[in-house]
Amino acid sequence: MLQRLNTGWMKNLGYLLSVLTLSVMLYGCGFHLRQPAPIVFKTVHITGNTVINKPLSKMLTEQGIKIVTSAEDAELQLDLMKEENEQRILSLSGTGVVREYEVFYRVQYRTRAAGEATWTLPLVMESRRDYTYNDANLLAKQGEQQSLIETMHTEVMNGILRRVSALKKAQ
C-alpha cells in the first residue's frame, strides 16, 4: 500500500514539474496574452451620445491617450453616430412560448484624423448573443440578459479600438 501512495505522489510531482517547465518555456519565448495594438494618436475627441462613451474614454485613457473636449486639439476625432439595441425571438416551443432570444448591439461610427478634410465612411461594429428564456426563472434570465449586454458593449469597444489602432496619422 505504501508503494502505491509513493507511485501516485510521484506521478503528481511529475505532472507538476511538466506544467511548470512548459510555463517557463512559454514565458521565455515571449508568449503574451493578446493586448490591444498601440494607437498612434495621442489625443482623441469623442462625440456622440451612446452608452459606451464613458467606458471607451476610460479605455483610451488607460492606454495613455488624452481625451480632449475640443475637436481642434485632437489628433483623431471619433464620432459615435448611432447605437442600436435589438432583441428578437430565435425559437418557440411547441405551445408558442418563447424559448430563445437573440440580442444585438450595434454602434455606427466614423473617424477623422487631424489634417484630413473629410470623415471616413460610417463603419458599424456589432455584437450578438443568444440565450434561453424561461418564465419560471425570470429574474435569473433578466440578469443573464444584462450580463450579455455588458459583454457585448465591451466587445464593441474593443472592436472599435482595434480598428482605430489600424489608422495612421495624416502626413
C-alpha atoms as a PDB file:
ATOM      1  CA  MET A   1       0.000   0.000   0.000  1.00  0.00           C
ATOM      2  CA  LEU A   2       2.841   2.406   0.829  1.00  0.00           C
ATOM      3  CA  GLN A   3       4.344   1.697  -2.554  1.00  0.00           C
ATOM      4  CA  ARG A   4       1.038   2.670  -4.238  1.00  0.00           C
ATOM      5  CA  LEU A   5       0.966   6.008  -2.405  1.00  0.00           C
ATOM      6  CA  ASN A   6       4.545   6.755  -3.423  1.00  0.00           C
ATOM      7  CA  THR A   7       3.742   5.984  -7.066  1.00  0.00           C
ATOM      8  CA  GLY A   8       0.692   8.305  -7.071  1.00  0.00           C
ATOM      9  CA  TRP A   9       2.633  11.065  -5.378  1.00  0.00           C
ATOM     10  CA  MET A  10       5.464  10.717  -7.882  1.00  0.00           C
ATOM     11  CA  LYS A  11       3.023  10.951 -10.804  1.00  0.00           C
ATOM     12  CA  ASN A  12       1.578  14.161  -9.385  1.00  0.00           C
ATOM     13  CA  LEU A  13       5.061  15.576  -8.884  1.00  0.00           C
ATOM     14  CA  GLY A  14       5.978  14.663 -12.460  1.00  0.00           C
ATOM     15  CA  TYR A  15       2.825  16.332 -13.745  1.00  0.00           C
ATOM     16  CA  LEU A  16       3.504  19.455 -11.702  1.00  0.00           C
ATOM     17  CA  LEU A  17       7.090  19.661 -12.954  1.00  0.00           C
ATOM     18  CA  SER A  18       5.969  19.290 -16.591  1.00  0.00           C
ATOM     19  CA  VAL A  19       3.397  22.075 -16.225  1.00  0.00           C
ATOM     20  CA  LEU A  20       5.976  24.290 -14.547  1.00  0.00           C
ATOM     21  CA  THR A  21       8.540  23.586 -17.282  1.00  0.00           C
ATOM     22  CA  LEU A  22       6.016  24.338 -20.028  1.00  0.00           C
ATOM     23  CA  SER A  23       5.035  27.599 -18.320  1.00  0.00           C
ATOM     24  CA  VAL A  24       8.662  28.710 -18.068  1.00  0.00           C
ATOM     25  CA  MET A  25       9.238  27.837 -21.735  1.00  0.00           C
ATOM     26  CA  LEU A  26       6.196  29.853 -22.852  1.00  0.00           C
ATOM     27  CA  TYR A  27       7.279  32.827 -20.798  1.00  0.00           C
ATOM     28  CA  GLY A  28      10.843  32.541 -22.069  1.00  0.00           C
ATOM     29  CA  CYS A  29       9.850  32.504 -25.748  1.00  0.00           C
ATOM     30  CA  GLY A  30       7.991  35.806 -25.413  1.00  0.00           C
ATOM     31  CA  PHE A  31       4.440  34.492 -25.375  1.00  0.00           C
ATOM     32  CA  HIS A  32       1.985  37.054 -24.020  1.00  0.00           C
ATOM     33  CA  LEU A  33      -1.762  37.203 -23.844  1.00  0.00           C
ATOM     34  CA  ARG A  34      -3.376  39.301 -26.540  1.00  0.00           C
ATOM     35  CA  GLN A  35      -3.046  43.011 -25.825  1.00  0.00           C
ATOM     36  CA  PRO A  36      -4.650  45.870 -27.722  1.00  0.00           C
ATOM     37  CA  ALA A  37      -2.464  47.241 -30.503  1.00  0.00           C
ATOM     38  CA  PRO A  38      -0.880  50.599 -29.714  1.00  0.00           C
ATOM     39  CA  ILE A  39      -2.768  53.617 -31.018  1.00  0.00           C
ATOM     40  CA  VAL A  40      -0.605  56.218 -32.770  1.00  0.00           C
ATOM     41  CA  PHE A  41      -2.834  59.135 -31.779  1.00  0.00           C
ATOM     42  CA  LYS A  42      -2.046  60.900 -28.504  1.00  0.00           C
ATOM     43  CA  THR A  43      -5.255  62.958 -28.263  1.00  0.00           C
ATOM     44  CA  VAL A  44      -8.794  61.905 -29.184  1.00  0.00           C
ATOM     45  CA  HIS A  45     -12.066  63.826 -29.249  1.00  0.00           C
ATOM     46  CA  ILE A  46     -15.181  61.644 -28.856  1.00  0.00           C
ATOM     47  CA  THR A  47     -18.617  62.878 -29.893  1.00  0.00           C
ATOM     48  CA  GLY A  48     -21.984  61.182 -29.815  1.00  0.00           C
ATOM     49  CA  ASN A  49     -24.372  60.050 -27.147  1.00  0.00           C
ATOM     50  CA  THR A  50     -24.020  56.310 -26.592  1.00  0.00           C
ATOM     51  CA  VAL A  51     -23.805  54.004 -23.607  1.00  0.00           C
ATOM     52  CA  ILE A  52     -20.149  53.259 -24.366  1.00  0.00           C
ATOM     53  CA  ASN A  53     -18.871  56.870 -24.477  1.00  0.00           C
ATOM     54  CA  LYS A  54     -17.564  56.941 -20.902  1.00  0.00           C
ATOM     55  CA  PRO A  55     -16.166  53.372 -20.810  1.00  0.00           C
ATOM     56  CA  LEU A  56     -14.485  53.939 -24.192  1.00  0.00           C
ATOM     57  CA  SER A  57     -12.929  57.170 -22.919  1.00  0.00           C
ATOM     58  CA  LYS A  58     -11.685  55.281 -19.865  1.00  0.00           C
ATOM     59  CA  MET A  59     -10.158  52.519 -22.013  1.00  0.00           C
ATOM     60  CA  LEU A  60      -8.348  55.095 -24.149  1.00  0.00           C
ATOM     61  CA  THR A  61      -7.106  56.959 -21.065  1.00  0.00           C
ATOM     62  CA  GLU A  62      -5.744  53.694 -19.635  1.00  0.00           C
ATOM     63  CA  GLN A  63      -3.701  53.321 -22.841  1.00  0.00           C
ATOM     64  CA  GLY A  64      -2.143  56.746 -22.281  1.00  0.00           C
ATOM     65  CA  ILE A  65      -4.340  58.653 -24.722  1.00  0.00           C
ATOM     66  CA  LYS A  66      -5.683  62.028 -23.655  1.00  0.00           C
ATOM     67  CA  ILE A  67      -9.380  62.697 -24.233  1.00  0.00           C
ATOM     68  CA  VAL A  68      -9.837  66.337 -25.246  1.00  0.00           C
ATOM     69  CA  THR A  69     -13.014  68.416 -25.279  1.00  0.00           C
ATOM     70  CA  SER A  70     -12.164  70.429 -28.385  1.00  0.00           C
ATOM     71  CA  ALA A  71     -12.060  68.849 -31.841  1.00  0.00           C
ATOM     72  CA  GLU A  72      -9.317  71.291 -32.892  1.00  0.00           C
ATOM     73  CA  ASP A  73      -6.973  69.964 -30.179  1.00  0.00           C
ATOM     74  CA  ALA A  74      -7.452  66.311 -31.179  1.00  0.00           C
ATOM     75  CA  GLU A  75      -5.238  64.238 -33.436  1.00  0.00           C
ATOM     76  CA  LEU A  76      -8.246  61.976 -34.033  1.00  0.00           C
ATOM     77  CA  GLN A  77     -11.967  62.674 -33.918  1.00  0.00           C
ATOM     78  CA  LEU A  78     -14.209  59.707 -33.169  1.00  0.00           C
ATOM     79  CA  ASP A  79     -17.900  60.276 -33.822  1.00  0.00           C
ATOM     80  CA  LEU A  80     -20.190  57.610 -32.346  1.00  0.00           C
ATOM     81  CA  MET A  81     -23.121  58.365 -34.616  1.00  0.00           C
ATOM     82  CA  LYS A  82     -25.751  55.843 -33.634  1.00  0.00           C
ATOM     83  CA  GLU A  83     -26.267  52.835 -31.401  1.00  0.00           C
ATOM     84  CA  GLU A  84     -28.950  50.178 -31.624  1.00  0.00           C
ATOM     85  CA  ASN A  85     -30.104  47.560 -29.161  1.00  0.00           C
ATOM     86  CA  GLU A  86     -32.300  44.871 -30.602  1.00  0.00           C
ATOM     87  CA  GLN A  87     -33.850  41.681 -29.310  1.00  0.00           C
ATOM     88  CA  ARG A  88     -35.677  39.164 -31.429  1.00  0.00           C
ATOM     89  CA  ILE A  89     -37.212  35.758 -30.915  1.00  0.00           C
ATOM     90  CA  LEU A  90     -34.929  32.957 -32.015  1.00  0.00           C
ATOM     91  CA  SER A  91     -37.146  29.942 -31.282  1.00  0.00           C
ATOM     92  CA  LEU A  92     -40.541  28.999 -29.875  1.00  0.00           C
ATOM     93  CA  SER A  93     -41.747  25.910 -28.050  1.00  0.00           C
ATOM     94  CA  GLY A  94     -44.496  23.707 -29.454  1.00  0.00           C
ATOM     95  CA  THR A  95     -47.057  25.696 -27.462  1.00  0.00           C
ATOM     96  CA  GLY A  96     -45.869  29.045 -28.830  1.00  0.00           C
ATOM     97  CA  VAL A  97     -43.868  30.099 -25.769  1.00  0.00           C
ATOM     98  CA  VAL A  98     -40.544  31.844 -26.397  1.00  0.00           C
ATOM     99  CA  ARG A  99     -37.575  29.546 -25.709  1.00  0.00           C
ATOM    100  CA  GLU A 100     -34.638  31.551 -27.061  1.00  0.00           C
ATOM    101  CA  TYR A 101     -33.878  35.177 -27.786  1.00  0.00           C
ATOM    102  CA  GLU A 102     -31.124  36.772 -29.829  1.00  0.00           C
ATOM    103  CA  VAL A 103     -29.825  40.170 -28.696  1.00  0.00           C
ATOM    104  CA  PHE A 104     -27.838  42.612 -30.831  1.00  0.00           C
ATOM    105  CA  TYR A 105     -25.797  45.682 -30.032  1.00  0.00           C
ATOM    106  CA  ARG A 106     -24.575  47.872 -32.902  1.00  0.00           C
ATOM    107  CA  VAL A 107     -22.638  51.116 -32.974  1.00  0.00           C
ATOM    108  CA  GLN A 108     -22.199  53.158 -36.128  1.00  0.00           C
ATOM    109  CA  TYR A 109     -19.170  55.439 -36.031  1.00  0.00           C
ATOM    110  CA  ARG A 110     -16.767  57.408 -38.200  1.00  0.00           C
ATOM    111  CA  THR A 111     -13.313  58.898 -37.720  1.00  0.00           C
ATOM    112  CA  ARG A 112     -11.291  61.838 -38.960  1.00  0.00           C
ATOM    113  CA  ALA A 113      -7.606  62.385 -38.341  1.00  0.00           C
ATOM    114  CA  ALA A 114      -6.242  65.892 -37.823  1.00  0.00           C
ATOM    115  CA  GLY A 115      -5.371  67.460 -41.153  1.00  0.00           C
ATOM    116  CA  GLU A 116      -7.908  65.440 -43.125  1.00  0.00           C
ATOM    117  CA  ALA A 117     -10.749  67.317 -44.779  1.00  0.00           C
ATOM    118  CA  THR A 118     -13.348  64.545 -44.751  1.00  0.00           C
ATOM    119  CA  TRP A 119     -14.664  61.904 -42.410  1.00  0.00           C
ATOM    120  CA  THR A 120     -14.247  58.219 -43.151  1.00  0.00           C
ATOM    121  CA  LEU A 121     -17.297  56.349 -44.351  1.00  0.00           C
ATOM    122  CA  PRO A 122     -19.502  55.255 -41.446  1.00  0.00           C
ATOM    123  CA  LEU A 123     -18.499  51.872 -40.049  1.00  0.00           C
ATOM    124  CA  VAL A 124     -20.632  49.502 -37.988  1.00  0.00           C
ATOM    125  CA  MET A 125     -19.356  47.409 -35.101  1.00  0.00           C
ATOM    126  CA  GLU A 126     -21.802  44.736 -33.966  1.00  0.00           C
ATOM    127  CA  SER A 127     -22.026  42.033 -31.350  1.00  0.00           C
ATOM    128  CA  ARG A 128     -24.778  39.454 -30.938  1.00  0.00           C
ATOM    129  CA  ARG A 129     -25.656  36.761 -28.445  1.00  0.00           C
ATOM    130  CA  ASP A 130     -28.468  34.309 -27.926  1.00  0.00           C
ATOM    131  CA  TYR A 131     -29.836  32.991 -24.660  1.00  0.00           C
ATOM    132  CA  THR A 132     -32.551  30.638 -23.494  1.00  0.00           C
ATOM    133  CA  TYR A 133     -35.613  32.049 -21.813  1.00  0.00           C
ATOM    134  CA  ASN A 134     -37.899  30.615 -19.154  1.00  0.00           C
ATOM    135  CA  ASP A 135     -40.696  32.453 -17.303  1.00  0.00           C
ATOM    136  CA  ALA A 136     -40.037  30.318 -14.211  1.00  0.00           C
ATOM    137  CA  ASN A 137     -36.536  31.839 -13.922  1.00  0.00           C
ATOM    138  CA  LEU A 138     -37.485  35.390 -14.845  1.00  0.00           C
ATOM    139  CA  LEU A 139     -35.078  37.215 -12.510  1.00  0.00           C
ATOM    140  CA  ALA A 140     -32.156  34.963 -13.376  1.00  0.00           C
ATOM    141  CA  LYS A 141     -32.795  35.357 -17.098  1.00  0.00           C
ATOM    142  CA  GLN A 142     -33.017  39.142 -16.772  1.00  0.00           C
ATOM    143  CA  GLY A 143     -29.650  39.086 -15.001  1.00  0.00           C
ATOM    144  CA  GLU A 144     -28.220  36.863 -17.731  1.00  0.00           C
ATOM    145  CA  GLN A 145     -29.513  39.230 -20.403  1.00  0.00           C
ATOM    146  CA  GLN A 146     -27.952  42.239 -18.649  1.00  0.00           C
ATOM    147  CA  SER A 147     -24.646  40.395 -18.339  1.00  0.00           C
ATOM    148  CA  LEU A 148     -24.721  39.548 -22.058  1.00  0.00           C
ATOM    149  CA  ILE A 149     -25.427  43.178 -22.947  1.00  0.00           C
ATOM    150  CA  GLU A 150     -22.466  44.386 -20.863  1.00  0.00           C
ATOM    151  CA  THR A 151     -20.235  41.794 -22.545  1.00  0.00           C
ATOM    152  CA  MET A 152     -21.435  42.960 -25.958  1.00  0.00           C
ATOM    153  CA  HIS A 153     -20.651  46.594 -25.053  1.00  0.00           C
ATOM    154  CA  THR A 154     -17.101  45.562 -24.144  1.00  0.00           C
ATOM    155  CA  GLU A 155     -16.705  43.578 -27.376  1.00  0.00           C
ATOM    156  CA  VAL A 156     -17.876  46.523 -29.475  1.00  0.00           C
ATOM    157  CA  MET A 157     -15.495  48.893 -27.659  1.00  0.00           C
ATOM    158  CA  ASN A 158     -12.585  46.502 -28.209  1.00  0.00           C
ATOM    159  CA  GLY A 159     -13.518  46.193 -31.884  1.00  0.00           C
ATOM    160  CA  ILE A 160     -13.585  49.965 -32.302  1.00  0.00           C
ATOM    161  CA  LEU A 161     -10.195  50.237 -30.571  1.00  0.00           C
ATOM    162  CA  ARG A 162      -8.741  47.568 -32.886  1.00  0.00           C
ATOM    163  CA  ARG A 163      -9.934  49.496 -35.936  1.00  0.00           C
ATOM    164  CA  VAL A 164      -8.694  52.820 -34.544  1.00  0.00           C
ATOM    165  CA  SER A 165      -5.287  51.265 -33.843  1.00  0.00           C
ATOM    166  CA  ALA A 166      -5.054  50.363 -37.552  1.00  0.00           C
ATOM    167  CA  LEU A 167      -5.449  54.027 -38.564  1.00  0.00           C
ATOM    168  CA  LYS A 168      -2.404  56.083 -39.476  1.00  0.00           C
ATOM    169  CA  LYS A 169      -1.781  59.765 -38.884  1.00  0.00           C
ATOM    170  CA  ALA A 170      -2.273  62.102 -41.850  1.00  0.00           C
ATOM    171  CA  GLN A 171       1.009  63.245 -43.369  1.00  0.00           C
END
